[in-house]
Amino acid sequence: MKRVLLLNPPADKIVLRDKYCSSSSKADYFWPPIDLLAQSGILHNKYNLRVLDAVAQRLSFEKAFDIACGFSPDVVIFLTGSATWKDDMDFMQRVKDKTSARIIAIGGNLLTTGTEIMRMHHCIDAILLDFTSSQIISFIEGESITDLKDMVVRSGDDIVSSGLPFKTDHMDTFEYPVPRHELFPLKKYVF
């Protein structure tokens, strides 16, 4: 069974990265990232799934790196945003170099500049444009990338962008399985 890590990467401050937005917490509050919660429900029954919220757990970059790599993931799905993307990309490059995992990014800045960011950062294998989409399973299973919607995918030297520009007109309603809250460090979140 493939090992999938849902990752909120470490940061040098409290950052909120979810719902296609990122910002610094002005106080000591943060909550479970809805993007990873949604994906936990979608992926739970198909993969050996682990969650690492390095921000909530206030892990250093090195400790988060050790834990992420110690899981030996086949796939890492991580959050990024304009507030932290440079540090996130450096961190993910290190994870890729150590584990050879397929790296999938989710983040608001990727909705408009994802293709350019993928060209600059070769550690990213795909971008999930709609965090409620189950298309990620098709990508993880190696199905044809031409059939994928809601994703931008690296194919050799090419970047296949079936989902850009990202449109929300098809998102009037959506559904996904119950999130696996028990995988998250719930006692670490402050509302």
N, C-alpha and C. Protein backbone atom coordinates (compact mmCIF):
# COMPACT_ATOMS: atom_id res chain seq x y z
N MET A 1 0.85 -1.17 0.00
CA MET A 1 0.00 0.00 0.00
C MET A 1 0.90 1.24 0.00
N LYS A 2 0.60 2.18 -0.88
CA LYS A 2 1.40 3.40 -0.97
C LYS A 2 1.26 4.23 0.30
N ARG A 3 2.37 4.88 0.63
CA ARG A 3 2.42 5.74 1.82
C ARG A 3 2.28 7.19 1.36
N VAL A 4 1.24 7.86 1.89
CA VAL A 4 0.95 9.25 1.50
C VAL A 4 1.03 10.13 2.74
N LEU A 5 1.81 11.20 2.63
CA LEU A 5 1.96 12.17 3.70
C LEU A 5 1.25 13.46 3.33
N LEU A 6 0.32 13.89 4.18
CA LEU A 6 -0.31 15.21 4.05
C LEU A 6 0.49 16.15 4.94
N LEU A 7 1.04 17.21 4.36
CA LEU A 7 2.02 18.02 5.06
C LEU A 7 1.68 19.51 5.04
N ASN A 8 1.64 20.08 6.21
CA ASN A 8 1.65 21.53 6.36
C ASN A 8 3.09 21.83 6.78
N PRO A 9 3.93 22.32 5.86
CA PRO A 9 5.37 22.45 6.12
C PRO A 9 5.69 23.39 7.28
N PRO A 10 6.89 23.24 7.83
CA PRO A 10 7.30 24.12 8.92
C PRO A 10 7.45 25.56 8.43
N ALA A 11 7.37 26.47 9.37
CA ALA A 11 7.56 27.88 9.07
C ALA A 11 8.22 28.54 10.27
N ASP A 12 8.84 29.67 10.05
CA ASP A 12 9.51 30.35 11.15
C ASP A 12 8.57 31.22 11.97
N LYS A 13 7.28 31.17 11.64
CA LYS A 13 6.24 31.88 12.38
C LYS A 13 4.94 31.10 12.23
N ILE A 14 3.92 31.49 12.94
CA ILE A 14 2.64 30.82 12.79
C ILE A 14 1.99 31.33 11.51
N VAL A 15 1.80 30.42 10.58
CA VAL A 15 1.16 30.77 9.31
C VAL A 15 -0.07 29.92 9.11
N LEU A 16 -1.03 30.50 8.44
CA LEU A 16 -2.25 29.80 8.07
C LEU A 16 -2.19 29.59 6.57
N ARG A 17 -2.22 28.35 6.15
CA ARG A 17 -2.22 28.03 4.73
C ARG A 17 -3.42 27.13 4.49
N ASP A 18 -4.49 27.69 4.04
CA ASP A 18 -5.62 26.86 3.67
C ASP A 18 -6.61 27.65 2.85
N LYS A 19 -7.52 26.92 2.25
CA LYS A 19 -8.56 27.50 1.40
C LYS A 19 -7.97 28.47 0.38
N TYR A 20 -6.85 28.08 -0.21
CA TYR A 20 -6.18 28.87 -1.25
C TYR A 20 -5.69 30.22 -0.75
N CYS A 21 -5.41 30.31 0.53
CA CYS A 21 -4.98 31.58 1.10
C CYS A 21 -3.88 31.29 2.11
N SER A 22 -2.98 32.25 2.27
CA SER A 22 -1.98 32.10 3.32
C SER A 22 -1.76 33.46 3.97
N SER A 23 -1.49 33.40 5.26
CA SER A 23 -1.23 34.63 6.00
C SER A 23 -0.51 34.27 7.30
N SER A 24 0.01 35.28 7.95
CA SER A 24 0.61 35.09 9.27
C SER A 24 -0.47 35.29 10.31
N SER A 25 -0.42 34.49 11.34
CA SER A 25 -1.35 34.65 12.45
C SER A 25 -0.89 35.83 13.29
N LYS A 26 -1.75 36.78 13.50
CA LYS A 26 -1.41 37.96 14.29
C LYS A 26 -1.49 37.67 15.79
N ALA A 27 -2.11 36.59 16.14
CA ALA A 27 -2.20 36.16 17.53
C ALA A 27 -1.73 34.72 17.57
N ASP A 28 -2.14 34.01 18.55
CA ASP A 28 -1.70 32.63 18.69
C ASP A 28 -2.81 31.67 18.28
N TYR A 29 -3.44 31.95 17.15
CA TYR A 29 -4.54 31.10 16.71
C TYR A 29 -4.21 30.44 15.37
N PHE A 30 -4.68 29.25 15.20
CA PHE A 30 -4.64 28.55 13.93
C PHE A 30 -5.54 27.33 14.06
N TRP A 31 -5.95 26.83 12.92
CA TRP A 31 -6.93 25.75 12.88
C TRP A 31 -6.46 24.70 11.88
N PRO A 32 -7.11 23.54 11.89
CA PRO A 32 -6.73 22.51 10.93
C PRO A 32 -6.95 23.00 9.50
N PRO A 33 -5.98 22.81 8.63
CA PRO A 33 -6.14 23.27 7.24
C PRO A 33 -7.20 22.44 6.51
N ILE A 34 -8.24 23.12 6.06
CA ILE A 34 -9.37 22.45 5.40
C ILE A 34 -8.92 21.67 4.17
N ASP A 35 -7.92 22.17 3.46
CA ASP A 35 -7.43 21.48 2.27
C ASP A 35 -6.96 20.06 2.61
N LEU A 36 -6.16 19.95 3.67
CA LEU A 36 -5.65 18.64 4.07
C LEU A 36 -6.75 17.79 4.72
N LEU A 37 -7.66 18.44 5.44
CA LEU A 37 -8.79 17.69 6.00
C LEU A 37 -9.61 17.03 4.89
N ALA A 38 -9.93 17.80 3.85
CA ALA A 38 -10.69 17.25 2.73
C ALA A 38 -9.95 16.08 2.09
N GLN A 39 -8.67 16.26 1.85
CA GLN A 39 -7.90 15.19 1.22
C GLN A 39 -7.76 13.97 2.13
N SER A 40 -7.76 14.18 3.44
CA SER A 40 -7.67 13.02 4.34
C SER A 40 -8.88 12.11 4.18
N GLY A 41 -10.05 12.69 3.98
CA GLY A 41 -11.25 11.87 3.74
C GLY A 41 -11.19 11.16 2.41
N ILE A 42 -10.71 11.86 1.39
CA ILE A 42 -10.65 11.30 0.04
C ILE A 42 -9.64 10.16 -0.04
N LEU A 43 -8.51 10.28 0.62
CA LEU A 43 -7.41 9.33 0.45
C LEU A 43 -7.36 8.22 1.50
N HIS A 44 -8.08 8.37 2.60
CA HIS A 44 -7.92 7.50 3.76
C HIS A 44 -8.04 6.00 3.46
N ASN A 45 -9.05 5.58 2.78
CA ASN A 45 -9.26 4.14 2.58
C ASN A 45 -8.40 3.54 1.47
N LYS A 46 -7.66 4.37 0.77
CA LYS A 46 -6.89 3.87 -0.36
C LYS A 46 -5.39 3.75 -0.07
N TYR A 47 -4.90 4.49 0.94
CA TYR A 47 -3.46 4.58 1.17
C TYR A 47 -3.14 4.53 2.65
N ASN A 48 -1.89 4.23 2.95
CA ASN A 48 -1.37 4.37 4.30
C ASN A 48 -1.12 5.86 4.47
N LEU A 49 -1.98 6.51 5.21
CA LEU A 49 -2.02 7.97 5.26
C LEU A 49 -1.50 8.49 6.60
N ARG A 50 -0.67 9.52 6.53
CA ARG A 50 -0.19 10.19 7.73
C ARG A 50 -0.29 11.69 7.52
N VAL A 51 -0.54 12.42 8.60
CA VAL A 51 -0.62 13.88 8.57
C VAL A 51 0.51 14.43 9.42
N LEU A 52 1.21 15.43 8.88
CA LEU A 52 2.22 16.15 9.65
C LEU A 52 1.93 17.64 9.49
N ASP A 53 1.41 18.23 10.57
CA ASP A 53 1.17 19.67 10.58
C ASP A 53 2.29 20.30 11.40
N ALA A 54 3.38 20.63 10.72
CA ALA A 54 4.58 21.14 11.39
C ALA A 54 4.35 22.51 12.01
N VAL A 55 3.41 23.29 11.48
CA VAL A 55 3.11 24.59 12.06
C VAL A 55 2.37 24.40 13.39
N ALA A 56 1.33 23.59 13.39
CA ALA A 56 0.57 23.36 14.62
C ALA A 56 1.44 22.72 15.70
N GLN A 57 2.32 21.85 15.28
CA GLN A 57 3.18 21.16 16.24
C GLN A 57 4.45 21.95 16.56
N ARG A 58 4.57 23.11 15.90
CA ARG A 58 5.71 24.02 16.10
C ARG A 58 7.04 23.30 15.98
N LEU A 59 7.14 22.54 14.91
CA LEU A 59 8.36 21.78 14.66
C LEU A 59 9.39 22.64 13.93
N SER A 60 10.63 22.45 14.26
CA SER A 60 11.70 23.12 13.53
C SER A 60 11.76 22.51 12.12
N PHE A 61 12.46 23.18 11.23
CA PHE A 61 12.62 22.66 9.88
C PHE A 61 13.29 21.29 9.93
N GLU A 62 14.32 21.14 10.75
CA GLU A 62 15.05 19.87 10.80
C GLU A 62 14.20 18.75 11.39
N LYS A 63 13.46 19.04 12.45
CA LYS A 63 12.61 18.01 13.07
C LYS A 63 11.50 17.58 12.10
N ALA A 64 10.88 18.56 11.44
CA ALA A 64 9.83 18.24 10.46
C ALA A 64 10.41 17.42 9.31
N PHE A 65 11.60 17.77 8.87
CA PHE A 65 12.27 17.03 7.79
C PHE A 65 12.52 15.58 8.22
N ASP A 66 13.02 15.40 9.43
CA ASP A 66 13.30 14.05 9.93
C ASP A 66 12.02 13.22 10.01
N ILE A 67 10.94 13.81 10.51
CA ILE A 67 9.67 13.08 10.64
C ILE A 67 9.11 12.76 9.25
N ALA A 68 9.10 13.76 8.36
CA ALA A 68 8.56 13.54 7.01
C ALA A 68 9.33 12.44 6.29
N CYS A 69 10.63 12.50 6.32
CA CYS A 69 11.44 11.50 5.62
C CYS A 69 11.40 10.15 6.32
N GLY A 70 11.25 10.17 7.65
CA GLY A 70 11.18 8.93 8.40
C GLY A 70 9.95 8.10 8.07
N PHE A 71 8.91 8.74 7.57
CA PHE A 71 7.70 8.03 7.14
C PHE A 71 7.93 7.29 5.82
N SER A 72 9.00 7.64 5.10
CA SER A 72 9.32 7.06 3.78
C SER A 72 8.12 7.16 2.83
N PRO A 73 7.63 8.38 2.61
CA PRO A 73 6.43 8.51 1.78
C PRO A 73 6.70 8.23 0.30
N ASP A 74 5.69 7.67 -0.35
CA ASP A 74 5.71 7.54 -1.80
C ASP A 74 5.20 8.82 -2.43
N VAL A 75 4.30 9.50 -1.71
CA VAL A 75 3.68 10.74 -2.19
C VAL A 75 3.60 11.71 -1.01
N VAL A 76 3.92 12.98 -1.28
CA VAL A 76 3.73 14.03 -0.28
C VAL A 76 2.82 15.09 -0.90
N ILE A 77 1.74 15.39 -0.20
CA ILE A 77 0.81 16.44 -0.62
C ILE A 77 0.98 17.56 0.39
N PHE A 78 1.42 18.73 -0.08
CA PHE A 78 1.74 19.79 0.85
C PHE A 78 1.05 21.09 0.51
N LEU A 79 0.88 21.91 1.55
CA LEU A 79 0.30 23.23 1.40
C LEU A 79 1.40 24.26 1.22
N THR A 80 1.11 25.27 0.42
CA THR A 80 2.01 26.40 0.26
C THR A 80 1.17 27.64 0.04
N GLY A 81 1.80 28.78 0.08
CA GLY A 81 1.10 30.03 -0.17
C GLY A 81 2.09 31.15 -0.35
N SER A 82 1.60 32.28 -0.75
CA SER A 82 2.48 33.42 -1.05
C SER A 82 3.28 33.86 0.17
N ALA A 83 2.78 33.63 1.37
CA ALA A 83 3.49 34.05 2.59
C ALA A 83 4.74 33.22 2.85
N THR A 84 4.80 32.01 2.29
CA THR A 84 5.90 31.09 2.65
C THR A 84 6.48 30.30 1.49
N TRP A 85 6.05 30.54 0.25
CA TRP A 85 6.35 29.60 -0.82
C TRP A 85 7.84 29.37 -1.06
N LYS A 86 8.68 30.36 -0.90
CA LYS A 86 10.11 30.14 -1.14
C LYS A 86 10.69 29.15 -0.14
N ASP A 87 10.39 29.33 1.15
CA ASP A 87 10.84 28.37 2.16
C ASP A 87 10.20 27.00 1.94
N ASP A 88 8.92 26.99 1.55
CA ASP A 88 8.24 25.72 1.29
C ASP A 88 8.92 24.95 0.17
N MET A 89 9.29 25.65 -0.89
CA MET A 89 9.94 24.99 -2.03
C MET A 89 11.31 24.45 -1.64
N ASP A 90 12.06 25.20 -0.85
CA ASP A 90 13.37 24.70 -0.39
C ASP A 90 13.18 23.45 0.46
N PHE A 91 12.19 23.47 1.34
CA PHE A 91 11.92 22.32 2.20
C PHE A 91 11.51 21.11 1.35
N MET A 92 10.61 21.33 0.40
CA MET A 92 10.12 20.22 -0.41
C MET A 92 11.21 19.66 -1.31
N GLN A 93 12.12 20.49 -1.78
CA GLN A 93 13.24 20.00 -2.58
C GLN A 93 14.10 19.05 -1.75
N ARG A 94 14.33 19.40 -0.49
CA ARG A 94 15.09 18.52 0.41
C ARG A 94 14.37 17.19 0.62
N VAL A 95 13.04 17.26 0.81
CA VAL A 95 12.26 16.03 1.00
C VAL A 95 12.33 15.17 -0.25
N LYS A 96 12.20 15.80 -1.41
CA LYS A 96 12.26 15.07 -2.69
C LYS A 96 13.62 14.40 -2.85
N ASP A 97 14.69 15.15 -2.58
CA ASP A 97 16.04 14.61 -2.72
C ASP A 97 16.26 13.41 -1.81
N LYS A 98 15.72 13.45 -0.61
CA LYS A 98 15.93 12.38 0.37
C LYS A 98 15.03 11.17 0.12
N THR A 99 13.78 11.40 -0.31
CA THR A 99 12.81 10.30 -0.38
C THR A 99 12.43 9.87 -1.79
N SER A 100 12.64 10.73 -2.77
CA SER A 100 12.18 10.50 -4.15
C SER A 100 10.66 10.41 -4.25
N ALA A 101 9.96 10.90 -3.25
CA ALA A 101 8.49 10.87 -3.26
C ALA A 101 7.96 11.77 -4.38
N ARG A 102 6.79 11.43 -4.87
CA ARG A 102 6.09 12.33 -5.79
C ARG A 102 5.52 13.47 -4.94
N ILE A 103 5.73 14.69 -5.39
CA ILE A 103 5.35 15.86 -4.61
C ILE A 103 4.17 16.56 -5.30
N ILE A 104 3.10 16.75 -4.54
CA ILE A 104 1.89 17.41 -5.03
C ILE A 104 1.63 18.64 -4.16
N ALA A 105 1.46 19.79 -4.79
CA ALA A 105 1.26 21.04 -4.08
C ALA A 105 -0.19 21.50 -4.14
N ILE A 106 -0.62 22.17 -3.08
CA ILE A 106 -1.92 22.84 -3.01
C ILE A 106 -1.66 24.24 -2.49
N GLY A 107 -2.20 25.25 -3.15
CA GLY A 107 -2.03 26.61 -2.65
C GLY A 107 -2.59 27.65 -3.57
N GLY A 108 -3.01 28.76 -2.99
CA GLY A 108 -3.65 29.82 -3.75
C GLY A 108 -2.78 30.44 -4.82
N ASN A 109 -1.49 30.64 -4.52
CA ASN A 109 -0.62 31.24 -5.52
C ASN A 109 -0.42 30.30 -6.72
N LEU A 110 -0.72 29.04 -6.55
CA LEU A 110 -0.56 28.07 -7.64
C LEU A 110 -1.72 28.11 -8.63
N LEU A 111 -2.84 28.68 -8.21
CA LEU A 111 -4.01 28.75 -9.10
C LEU A 111 -3.73 29.59 -10.34
N THR A 112 -2.91 30.60 -10.19
CA THR A 112 -2.63 31.48 -11.33
C THR A 112 -1.20 31.36 -11.84
N THR A 113 -0.27 30.98 -10.97
CA THR A 113 1.14 30.92 -11.38
C THR A 113 1.73 29.52 -11.24
N GLY A 114 0.89 28.52 -11.15
CA GLY A 114 1.35 27.16 -10.93
C GLY A 114 2.30 26.64 -11.99
N THR A 115 1.98 26.89 -13.23
CA THR A 115 2.84 26.40 -14.32
C THR A 115 4.24 27.02 -14.21
N GLU A 116 4.30 28.32 -13.96
CA GLU A 116 5.60 28.99 -13.83
C GLU A 116 6.37 28.48 -12.62
N ILE A 117 5.66 28.28 -11.51
CA ILE A 117 6.32 27.77 -10.31
C ILE A 117 6.85 26.36 -10.54
N MET A 118 6.09 25.54 -11.25
CA MET A 118 6.58 24.19 -11.56
C MET A 118 7.81 24.24 -12.45
N ARG A 119 7.87 25.18 -13.36
CA ARG A 119 9.06 25.31 -14.21
C ARG A 119 10.29 25.71 -13.38
N MET A 120 10.07 26.52 -12.35
CA MET A 120 11.18 26.97 -11.50
C MET A 120 11.56 25.92 -10.45
N HIS A 121 10.61 25.11 -10.02
CA HIS A 121 10.85 24.17 -8.92
C HIS A 121 10.52 22.75 -9.39
N HIS A 122 11.54 22.06 -9.79
CA HIS A 122 11.37 20.73 -10.37
C HIS A 122 11.00 19.66 -9.35
N CYS A 123 10.99 20.02 -8.08
CA CYS A 123 10.57 19.04 -7.08
C CYS A 123 9.07 18.79 -7.13
N ILE A 124 8.31 19.72 -7.70
CA ILE A 124 6.86 19.56 -7.76
C ILE A 124 6.48 18.72 -8.97
N ASP A 125 5.77 17.63 -8.72
CA ASP A 125 5.32 16.74 -9.78
C ASP A 125 3.91 17.09 -10.25
N ALA A 126 3.14 17.72 -9.37
CA ALA A 126 1.76 18.07 -9.74
C ALA A 126 1.24 19.13 -8.79
N ILE A 127 0.21 19.81 -9.25
CA ILE A 127 -0.52 20.78 -8.44
C ILE A 127 -1.98 20.36 -8.46
N LEU A 128 -2.57 20.27 -7.29
CA LEU A 128 -4.00 19.99 -7.17
C LEU A 128 -4.71 21.34 -7.05
N LEU A 129 -5.50 21.68 -8.06
CA LEU A 129 -6.15 22.98 -8.10
C LEU A 129 -7.43 23.04 -7.27
N ASP A 130 -8.07 21.90 -7.10
CA ASP A 130 -9.32 21.84 -6.34
C ASP A 130 -9.13 20.83 -5.20
N PHE A 131 -8.98 21.32 -3.98
CA PHE A 131 -8.68 20.42 -2.87
C PHE A 131 -9.83 19.49 -2.51
N THR A 132 -11.01 19.67 -3.13
CA THR A 132 -12.12 18.74 -2.90
C THR A 132 -12.18 17.66 -3.98
N SER A 133 -11.25 17.69 -4.91
CA SER A 133 -11.26 16.76 -6.03
C SER A 133 -10.61 15.42 -5.68
N SER A 134 -11.19 14.37 -6.20
CA SER A 134 -10.60 13.03 -6.02
C SER A 134 -9.69 12.67 -7.19
N GLN A 135 -9.46 13.60 -8.12
CA GLN A 135 -8.56 13.35 -9.25
C GLN A 135 -7.16 12.98 -8.79
N ILE A 136 -6.79 13.38 -7.62
CA ILE A 136 -5.47 13.09 -7.10
C ILE A 136 -5.22 11.58 -7.04
N ILE A 137 -6.27 10.79 -6.83
CA ILE A 137 -6.13 9.33 -6.79
C ILE A 137 -5.68 8.83 -8.16
N SER A 138 -6.26 9.35 -9.21
CA SER A 138 -5.86 8.95 -10.56
C SER A 138 -4.40 9.27 -10.80
N PHE A 139 -3.95 10.43 -10.34
CA PHE A 139 -2.55 10.80 -10.51
C PHE A 139 -1.65 9.87 -9.71
N ILE A 140 -1.99 9.62 -8.45
CA ILE A 140 -1.17 8.74 -7.62
C ILE A 140 -1.09 7.35 -8.22
N GLU A 141 -2.19 6.89 -8.82
CA GLU A 141 -2.21 5.55 -9.41
C GLU A 141 -1.57 5.50 -10.79
N GLY A 142 -1.13 6.64 -11.31
CA GLY A 142 -0.41 6.65 -12.58
C GLY A 142 -1.28 6.59 -13.81
N GLU A 143 -2.55 6.98 -13.67
CA GLU A 143 -3.43 6.97 -14.83
C GLU A 143 -3.04 8.07 -15.81
N SER A 144 -3.57 8.04 -16.98
CA SER A 144 -3.24 8.99 -18.04
C SER A 144 -3.42 10.43 -17.57
N ILE A 145 -2.38 11.23 -17.73
CA ILE A 145 -2.46 12.62 -17.28
C ILE A 145 -3.35 13.46 -18.17
N THR A 146 -3.61 13.00 -19.38
CA THR A 146 -4.47 13.78 -20.27
C THR A 146 -5.93 13.77 -19.81
N ASP A 147 -6.28 12.80 -18.97
CA ASP A 147 -7.65 12.70 -18.47
C ASP A 147 -7.86 13.43 -17.16
N LEU A 148 -6.80 13.97 -16.59
CA LEU A 148 -6.92 14.61 -15.29
C LEU A 148 -7.48 16.02 -15.41
N LYS A 149 -8.44 16.30 -14.57
CA LYS A 149 -8.96 17.65 -14.45
C LYS A 149 -8.55 18.15 -13.07
N ASP A 150 -8.61 19.42 -12.84
CA ASP A 150 -8.31 19.99 -11.54
C ASP A 150 -6.84 19.82 -11.14
N MET A 151 -5.97 19.54 -12.12
CA MET A 151 -4.56 19.35 -11.80
C MET A 151 -3.67 19.94 -12.89
N VAL A 152 -2.48 20.28 -12.47
CA VAL A 152 -1.38 20.61 -13.39
C VAL A 152 -0.33 19.55 -13.10
N VAL A 153 0.18 18.89 -14.15
CA VAL A 153 1.02 17.72 -13.96
C VAL A 153 2.30 17.82 -14.78
N ARG A 154 3.40 17.41 -14.18
CA ARG A 154 4.68 17.34 -14.89
C ARG A 154 4.74 15.99 -15.62
N SER A 155 5.11 16.06 -16.89
CA SER A 155 5.29 14.85 -17.70
C SER A 155 6.63 15.00 -18.42
N GLY A 156 7.67 14.46 -17.81
CA GLY A 156 9.01 14.66 -18.36
C GLY A 156 9.38 16.13 -18.27
N ASP A 157 9.70 16.72 -19.42
CA ASP A 157 10.03 18.14 -19.46
C ASP A 157 8.81 19.02 -19.69
N ASP A 158 7.66 18.39 -19.94
CA ASP A 158 6.44 19.14 -20.22
C ASP A 158 5.59 19.31 -18.97
N ILE A 159 4.79 20.37 -18.98
CA ILE A 159 3.82 20.58 -17.92
C ILE A 159 2.45 20.62 -18.56
N VAL A 160 1.62 19.65 -18.19
CA VAL A 160 0.29 19.51 -18.75
C VAL A 160 -0.68 20.21 -17.83
N SER A 161 -1.39 21.16 -18.39
CA SER A 161 -2.22 22.05 -17.59
C SER A 161 -3.68 21.96 -18.01
N SER A 162 -4.31 20.85 -17.72
CA SER A 162 -5.71 20.70 -18.12
C SER A 162 -6.64 21.54 -17.27
N GLY A 163 -6.17 21.98 -16.10
CA GLY A 163 -7.04 22.69 -15.19
C GLY A 163 -6.87 24.19 -15.15
N LEU A 164 -5.89 24.73 -15.87
CA LEU A 164 -5.66 26.18 -15.85
C LEU A 164 -6.21 26.80 -17.12
N PRO A 165 -6.78 27.98 -17.10
CA PRO A 165 -6.99 28.75 -15.89
C PRO A 165 -8.07 28.11 -15.03
N PHE A 166 -7.87 28.13 -13.74
CA PHE A 166 -8.78 27.49 -12.80
C PHE A 166 -10.12 28.22 -12.81
N LYS A 167 -11.19 27.45 -12.96
CA LYS A 167 -12.53 28.02 -13.01
C LYS A 167 -13.33 27.47 -11.85
N THR A 168 -14.11 28.31 -11.24
CA THR A 168 -14.93 27.86 -10.11
C THR A 168 -16.39 27.66 -10.50
N ASP A 169 -16.73 27.84 -11.78
CA ASP A 169 -18.13 27.73 -12.17
C ASP A 169 -18.68 26.32 -11.99
N HIS A 170 -17.82 25.32 -11.98
CA HIS A 170 -18.28 23.95 -11.79
C HIS A 170 -18.38 23.58 -10.31
N MET A 171 -18.08 24.51 -9.43
CA MET A 171 -18.00 24.19 -8.01
C MET A 171 -19.20 24.71 -7.21
N ASP A 172 -20.36 24.74 -7.82
CA ASP A 172 -21.54 25.18 -7.07
C ASP A 172 -21.80 24.26 -5.89
N THR A 173 -21.62 22.97 -6.10
CA THR A 173 -21.74 21.99 -5.04
C THR A 173 -20.58 21.02 -5.14
N PHE A 174 -20.21 20.46 -4.03
CA PHE A 174 -19.16 19.46 -4.02
C PHE A 174 -19.37 18.58 -2.80
N GLU A 175 -18.74 17.44 -2.82
CA GLU A 175 -18.80 16.55 -1.68
C GLU A 175 -17.53 15.75 -1.61
N TYR A 176 -17.20 15.32 -0.43
CA TYR A 176 -16.06 14.44 -0.22
C TYR A 176 -16.32 13.65 1.05
N PRO A 177 -15.63 12.52 1.22
CA PRO A 177 -15.86 11.69 2.40
C PRO A 177 -15.52 12.44 3.69
N VAL A 178 -15.98 11.90 4.79
CA VAL A 178 -15.74 12.51 6.10
C VAL A 178 -14.24 12.62 6.33
N PRO A 179 -13.76 13.80 6.68
CA PRO A 179 -12.33 13.97 6.97
C PRO A 179 -11.90 13.09 8.15
N ARG A 180 -10.66 12.71 8.15
CA ARG A 180 -10.11 11.86 9.20
C ARG A 180 -9.47 12.74 10.28
N HIS A 181 -10.31 13.37 11.07
CA HIS A 181 -9.84 14.31 12.09
C HIS A 181 -8.83 13.68 13.05
N GLU A 182 -8.98 12.40 13.30
CA GLU A 182 -8.10 11.74 14.26
C GLU A 182 -6.64 11.69 13.82
N LEU A 183 -6.38 11.94 12.54
CA LEU A 183 -5.00 11.96 12.03
C LEU A 183 -4.30 13.29 12.32
N PHE A 184 -5.05 14.30 12.70
CA PHE A 184 -4.53 15.64 12.90
C PHE A 184 -4.24 15.89 14.39
N PRO A 185 -3.28 16.74 14.70
CA PRO A 185 -2.97 17.05 16.10
C PRO A 185 -3.99 18.03 16.69
N LEU A 186 -5.20 17.56 16.90
CA LEU A 186 -6.33 18.43 17.25
C LEU A 186 -6.09 19.28 18.49
N LYS A 187 -5.37 18.77 19.45
CA LYS A 187 -5.14 19.52 20.68
C LYS A 187 -4.17 20.69 20.47
N LYS A 188 -3.51 20.73 19.33
CA LYS A 188 -2.55 21.79 19.05
C LYS A 188 -3.19 23.00 18.38
N TYR A 189 -4.43 22.84 17.91
CA TYR A 189 -5.09 23.95 17.23
C TYR A 189 -5.75 24.88 18.24
N VAL A 190 -5.68 26.17 17.95
CA VAL A 190 -6.24 27.19 18.82
C VAL A 190 -7.21 28.02 18.00
N PHE A 191 -8.47 28.11 18.44
CA PHE A 191 -9.48 28.84 17.69
C PHE A 191 -9.78 30.16 18.34
